[in-house]
Amino acid sequence: MYRLDFETMKQVMREHRKTGLLYADLPSGVPGMPEPCRVEIILRAGNIVSCFFVGRSGRRLKEEDASPKLARLGKLDWTFVPQEEVLTEPPSVPGQGKNVITGSLAFPQRLLHLEQWQMVGWSRMHRMVFALADGTRSVEKIAEILSTSPEAVRAVLRDLQAIGVIRL
């Protein structure tokens, strides 16, 4: 646990090129979040990939630029949960580089190993797609397994890619 202000914490994570989950519990009063919450920041090689405020009720507030809100809170008790980046390449498949939106062959792969508690705010579909994104299944195969459309899977994959937990 670290007791630091947000700017110092960002600098420490950047300098040490940390990959994992950084979080701090916050009192009520964070703008846009009327209840006590937790700020969860996903880092990859020291860079912030995503930042969410998660309320006790499960309400999530994504922050494109959380710095001003976090800077006003002063020193916080930060906890860092390291994660290993997945360094293995997915199997080589002809046509794999096709566009995810229009192409038929995309093999999404997890970049981080996450524990169940780290996915508490995720929808069931997001958790299932994340679990199936092992680099060996196509978008179509994942959709077939989940009995849903490839378009629905692609939408979830875009969300997961945006927060830096999978690659396409």
Protein backbone atom coordinates (compact mmCIF):
# COMPACT_ATOMS: atom_id res chain seq x y z
CA MET A 1 0.00 0.00 0.00
CA TYR A 2 1.20 3.48 -0.86
CA ARG A 3 -0.03 6.77 0.64
CA LEU A 4 0.61 9.25 -2.16
CA ASP A 5 -1.15 11.90 -4.18
CA PHE A 6 -2.30 10.89 -7.67
CA GLU A 7 0.44 12.72 -9.61
CA THR A 8 3.20 11.11 -7.53
CA MET A 9 1.56 7.70 -7.83
CA LYS A 10 1.39 8.05 -11.65
CA GLN A 11 5.07 9.01 -11.72
CA VAL A 12 6.08 5.99 -9.61
CA MET A 13 4.08 3.59 -11.80
CA ARG A 14 5.51 5.13 -14.98
CA GLU A 15 9.12 5.03 -13.76
CA HIS A 16 8.83 1.39 -12.73
CA ARG A 17 6.81 0.46 -15.86
CA LYS A 18 4.18 -1.34 -13.78
CA THR A 19 1.46 -3.49 -15.33
CA GLY A 20 -1.62 -4.34 -13.31
CA LEU A 21 -4.45 -2.83 -11.31
CA LEU A 22 -4.01 0.24 -9.14
CA TYR A 23 -6.91 1.19 -6.89
CA ALA A 24 -7.89 3.37 -3.96
CA ASP A 25 -11.08 3.60 -1.90
CA LEU A 26 -12.65 7.05 -1.92
CA PRO A 27 -15.20 8.73 0.33
CA SER A 28 -18.49 9.97 -1.04
CA GLY A 29 -18.41 13.29 -2.78
CA VAL A 30 -16.49 12.47 -5.95
CA PRO A 31 -18.22 14.54 -8.68
CA GLY A 32 -20.65 12.32 -10.58
CA MET A 33 -20.53 9.60 -7.90
CA PRO A 34 -22.75 10.40 -4.89
CA GLU A 35 -21.72 7.32 -2.91
CA PRO A 36 -18.41 6.03 -1.53
CA CYS A 37 -16.48 4.43 -4.36
CA ARG A 38 -13.21 2.97 -5.55
CA VAL A 39 -11.06 4.33 -8.35
CA GLU A 40 -9.65 1.48 -10.45
CA ILE A 41 -6.83 2.18 -12.87
CA ILE A 42 -5.48 -0.42 -15.28
CA LEU A 43 -1.82 0.12 -16.12
CA ARG A 44 0.29 -1.39 -18.87
CA ALA A 45 4.04 -0.76 -18.76
CA GLY A 46 3.46 2.27 -16.53
CA ASN A 47 0.85 3.88 -18.76
CA ILE A 48 -2.79 4.33 -17.77
CA VAL A 49 -5.00 2.21 -20.04
CA SER A 50 -8.29 2.90 -18.30
CA CYS A 51 -9.74 4.54 -15.23
CA PHE A 52 -13.12 3.85 -13.62
CA PHE A 53 -14.89 4.99 -10.51
CA VAL A 54 -16.94 2.08 -9.11
CA GLY A 55 -19.56 2.84 -6.47
CA ARG A 56 -20.57 0.49 -3.67
CA SER A 57 -23.83 -0.15 -5.54
CA GLY A 58 -21.85 -1.30 -8.59
CA ARG A 59 -22.43 1.91 -10.52
CA ARG A 60 -19.50 2.61 -12.84
CA LEU A 61 -18.32 5.98 -14.05
CA LYS A 62 -15.65 5.96 -16.75
CA GLU A 63 -13.34 8.91 -16.63
CA GLU A 64 -11.57 10.02 -19.76
CA ASP A 65 -9.49 12.44 -17.72
CA ALA A 66 -9.63 11.54 -14.03
CA SER A 67 -6.53 13.56 -13.14
CA PRO A 68 -8.31 16.75 -11.99
CA LYS A 69 -10.77 14.85 -9.79
CA LEU A 70 -8.06 12.67 -8.26
CA ALA A 71 -5.63 15.56 -7.80
CA ARG A 72 -8.21 17.42 -5.66
CA LEU A 73 -8.46 14.44 -3.28
CA GLY A 74 -4.86 14.77 -2.06
CA LYS A 75 -3.05 11.76 -0.65
CA LEU A 76 -4.84 8.42 -1.02
CA ASP A 77 -4.08 4.90 0.16
CA TRP A 78 -3.22 3.14 -3.12
CA THR A 79 -3.02 -0.62 -3.59
CA PHE A 80 -1.26 -2.11 -6.60
CA VAL A 81 -2.03 -5.63 -7.85
CA PRO A 82 0.62 -6.63 -10.39
CA GLN A 83 -0.34 -8.62 -13.46
CA GLU A 84 1.90 -10.37 -15.94
CA GLU A 85 1.47 -9.30 -19.52
CA VAL A 86 0.74 -12.12 -21.91
CA LEU A 87 3.81 -12.28 -24.12
CA THR A 88 2.85 -15.23 -26.27
CA GLU A 89 1.67 -14.56 -29.77
CA PRO A 90 -1.59 -16.07 -30.97
CA PRO A 91 -1.31 -18.86 -33.52
CA SER A 92 -0.50 -17.72 -37.02
CA VAL A 93 -3.63 -17.96 -39.13
CA PRO A 94 -3.87 -16.76 -42.72
CA GLY A 95 -6.01 -13.62 -42.92
CA GLN A 96 -5.75 -12.93 -39.18
CA GLY A 97 -4.91 -9.30 -39.78
CA LYS A 98 -8.33 -8.52 -41.27
CA ASN A 99 -10.35 -5.62 -39.98
CA VAL A 100 -12.24 -6.63 -36.84
CA ILE A 101 -15.37 -4.76 -37.81
CA THR A 102 -15.69 -6.12 -41.34
CA GLY A 103 -13.29 -9.07 -41.51
CA SER A 104 -14.33 -12.55 -40.56
CA LEU A 105 -11.08 -13.75 -38.99
CA ALA A 106 -10.09 -12.08 -35.73
CA PHE A 107 -8.56 -14.03 -32.87
CA PRO A 108 -8.82 -11.87 -29.73
CA GLN A 109 -6.35 -12.59 -26.93
CA ARG A 110 -6.23 -11.58 -23.28
CA LEU A 111 -3.35 -9.29 -22.35
CA LEU A 112 -3.77 -9.54 -18.59
CA HIS A 113 -4.74 -12.23 -16.12
CA LEU A 114 -7.57 -10.83 -14.00
CA GLU A 115 -9.12 -12.28 -10.88
CA GLN A 116 -12.91 -12.49 -10.55
CA TRP A 117 -13.06 -9.61 -8.09
CA GLN A 118 -11.35 -7.38 -10.67
CA MET A 119 -14.28 -7.92 -13.05
CA VAL A 120 -17.05 -7.21 -10.52
CA GLY A 121 -18.40 -4.22 -12.45
CA TRP A 122 -18.39 -6.04 -15.81
CA SER A 123 -21.51 -7.43 -17.45
CA ARG A 124 -21.87 -11.20 -17.72
CA MET A 125 -21.27 -10.99 -21.48
CA HIS A 126 -18.02 -9.03 -20.96
CA ARG A 127 -16.75 -11.65 -18.48
CA MET A 128 -17.64 -14.54 -20.80
CA VAL A 129 -16.08 -12.96 -23.88
CA PHE A 130 -12.95 -12.12 -21.87
CA ALA A 131 -12.71 -15.74 -20.69
CA LEU A 132 -13.02 -17.06 -24.26
CA ALA A 133 -10.53 -14.59 -25.76
CA ASP A 134 -7.54 -16.92 -25.59
CA GLY A 135 -6.05 -16.25 -29.02
CA THR A 136 -7.30 -19.53 -30.52
CA ARG A 137 -10.98 -18.70 -31.11
CA SER A 138 -12.32 -16.42 -33.82
CA VAL A 139 -14.99 -13.82 -33.14
CA GLU A 140 -17.45 -16.08 -34.94
CA LYS A 141 -16.51 -19.08 -32.78
CA ILE A 142 -16.93 -17.04 -29.57
CA ALA A 143 -20.34 -15.85 -30.82
CA GLU A 144 -21.33 -19.43 -31.59
CA ILE A 145 -20.26 -20.66 -28.14
CA LEU A 146 -22.22 -17.84 -26.47
CA SER A 147 -25.24 -18.19 -28.77
CA THR A 148 -25.09 -14.55 -29.80
CA SER A 149 -24.23 -12.57 -32.90
CA PRO A 150 -20.67 -11.81 -34.02
CA GLU A 151 -21.65 -8.10 -33.96
CA ALA A 152 -22.51 -8.33 -30.25
CA VAL A 153 -19.18 -10.05 -29.56
CA ARG A 154 -17.31 -7.38 -31.57
CA ALA A 155 -18.97 -4.63 -29.51
CA VAL A 156 -17.84 -6.30 -26.27
CA LEU A 157 -14.35 -6.85 -27.70
CA ARG A 158 -14.09 -3.15 -28.54
CA ASP A 159 -14.96 -2.34 -24.91
CA LEU A 160 -12.37 -4.81 -23.61
CA GLN A 161 -9.74 -3.51 -26.03
CA ALA A 162 -10.47 0.07 -24.94
CA ILE A 163 -9.63 -0.78 -21.33
CA GLY A 164 -6.48 -2.62 -22.40
CA VAL A 165 -7.26 -6.17 -21.32
CA ILE A 166 -7.37 -7.82 -24.77
CA ARG A 167 -5.83 -7.35 -28.18
CA LEU A 168 -7.31 -8.13 -31.56
